[in-house]
Amino acid sequence: MYERIKKLCQERGINIKSLERELGFSNGTIHFWKKGSPRVDRLKAVADYFGVTVDALIADERTA
């Protein structure tokens, strides 16, 4: 999931920190998702920002 978000950021020409700031998240919030699970509302906010579904963010990398 983190790598998908990182890729979406790169496609938009922003970095993870900028995304966190834009969405009102604390620094490191999205980076934490490498090892932990995000809150649903935060995951939805990221999906909405990029115009994708939550499923698209959490889909198994092997099936994408």
C-alpha atoms as a PDB file:
ATOM      1  CA  MET A   1       0.000   0.000   0.000  1.00  0.00           C
ATOM      2  CA  TYR A   2       2.793   2.422   0.875  1.00  0.00           C
ATOM      3  CA  GLU A   3       4.503   1.794  -2.461  1.00  0.00           C
ATOM      4  CA  ARG A   4       1.256   2.446  -4.351  1.00  0.00           C
ATOM      5  CA  ILE A   5       0.792   5.742  -2.536  1.00  0.00           C
ATOM      6  CA  LYS A   6       4.414   6.655  -3.189  1.00  0.00           C
ATOM      7  CA  LYS A   7       3.941   5.927  -6.902  1.00  0.00           C
ATOM      8  CA  LEU A   8       0.770   8.030  -7.034  1.00  0.00           C
ATOM      9  CA  CYS A   9       2.653  10.879  -5.384  1.00  0.00           C
ATOM     10  CA  GLN A  10       5.462  10.603  -7.924  1.00  0.00           C
ATOM     11  CA  GLU A  11       2.938  10.689 -10.764  1.00  0.00           C
ATOM     12  CA  ARG A  12       1.535  13.928  -9.314  1.00  0.00           C
ATOM     13  CA  GLY A  13       4.974  15.421  -8.703  1.00  0.00           C
ATOM     14  CA  ILE A  14       4.615  15.557  -4.931  1.00  0.00           C
ATOM     15  CA  ASN A  15       6.216  13.671  -2.090  1.00  0.00           C
ATOM     16  CA  ILE A  16       4.715  11.789   0.847  1.00  0.00           C
ATOM     17  CA  LYS A  17       5.378  14.674   3.258  1.00  0.00           C
ATOM     18  CA  SER A  18       3.497  17.081   0.997  1.00  0.00           C
ATOM     19  CA  LEU A  19       0.574  14.666   0.809  1.00  0.00           C
ATOM     20  CA  GLU A  20       0.515  14.326   4.590  1.00  0.00           C
ATOM     21  CA  ARG A  21       0.562  18.106   4.984  1.00  0.00           C
ATOM     22  CA  GLU A  22      -2.185  18.542   2.348  1.00  0.00           C
ATOM     23  CA  LEU A  23      -4.432  16.031   4.123  1.00  0.00           C
ATOM     24  CA  GLY A  24      -3.682  17.331   7.629  1.00  0.00           C
ATOM     25  CA  PHE A  25      -1.860  14.178   8.727  1.00  0.00           C
ATOM     26  CA  SER A  26       1.082  14.228  11.122  1.00  0.00           C
ATOM     27  CA  ASN A  27       4.566  13.806   9.678  1.00  0.00           C
ATOM     28  CA  GLY A  28       5.345  10.130   9.208  1.00  0.00           C
ATOM     29  CA  THR A  29       1.725   8.972   9.266  1.00  0.00           C
ATOM     30  CA  ILE A  30       1.833   7.389   5.818  1.00  0.00           C
ATOM     31  CA  HIS A  31       5.365   6.081   6.306  1.00  0.00           C
ATOM     32  CA  PHE A  32       4.057   4.171   9.347  1.00  0.00           C
ATOM     33  CA  TRP A  33       1.697   2.309   7.021  1.00  0.00           C
ATOM     34  CA  LYS A  34       4.679   0.288   5.769  1.00  0.00           C
ATOM     35  CA  LYS A  35       4.432  -1.742   8.986  1.00  0.00           C
ATOM     36  CA  GLY A  36       1.063  -0.872  10.468  1.00  0.00           C
ATOM     37  CA  SER A  37      -2.499  -0.495   9.349  1.00  0.00           C
ATOM     38  CA  PRO A  38      -4.009   2.897   8.635  1.00  0.00           C
ATOM     39  CA  ARG A  39      -7.294   4.111   9.994  1.00  0.00           C
ATOM     40  CA  VAL A  40     -10.056   3.694   7.452  1.00  0.00           C
ATOM     41  CA  ASP A  41     -10.877   7.400   7.361  1.00  0.00           C
ATOM     42  CA  ARG A  42      -7.274   8.279   6.550  1.00  0.00           C
ATOM     43  CA  LEU A  43      -7.016   5.643   3.877  1.00  0.00           C
ATOM     44  CA  LYS A  44     -10.257   6.977   2.353  1.00  0.00           C
ATOM     45  CA  ALA A  45      -8.847  10.516   2.411  1.00  0.00           C
ATOM     46  CA  VAL A  46      -5.789   9.379   0.428  1.00  0.00           C
ATOM     47  CA  ALA A  47      -7.955   7.475  -2.043  1.00  0.00           C
ATOM     48  CA  ASP A  48     -10.221  10.483  -2.518  1.00  0.00           C
ATOM     49  CA  TYR A  49      -7.228  12.787  -2.999  1.00  0.00           C
ATOM     50  CA  PHE A  50      -5.936  10.657  -5.848  1.00  0.00           C
ATOM     51  CA  GLY A  51      -9.368   9.816  -7.261  1.00  0.00           C
ATOM     52  CA  VAL A  52      -8.958   6.090  -6.744  1.00  0.00           C
ATOM     53  CA  THR A  53     -10.787   3.517  -4.662  1.00  0.00           C
ATOM     54  CA  VAL A  54      -9.594   2.255  -1.312  1.00  0.00           C
ATOM     55  CA  ASP A  55      -9.464  -1.181  -2.944  1.00  0.00           C
ATOM     56  CA  ALA A  56      -6.990   0.158  -5.506  1.00  0.00           C
ATOM     57  CA  LEU A  57      -4.699   1.272  -2.674  1.00  0.00           C
ATOM     58  CA  ILE A  58      -4.854  -1.972  -0.720  1.00  0.00           C
ATOM     59  CA  ALA A  59      -5.025  -4.518  -3.547  1.00  0.00           C
ATOM     60  CA  ASP A  60      -2.437  -7.274  -3.432  1.00  0.00           C
ATOM     61  CA  GLU A  61       0.650  -6.123  -5.322  1.00  0.00           C
ATOM     62  CA  ARG A  62       0.935  -9.519  -7.049  1.00  0.00           C
ATOM     63  CA  THR A  63      -2.495  -9.185  -8.643  1.00  0.00           C
ATOM     64  CA  ALA A  64      -2.117  -5.575  -9.754  1.00  0.00           C
END
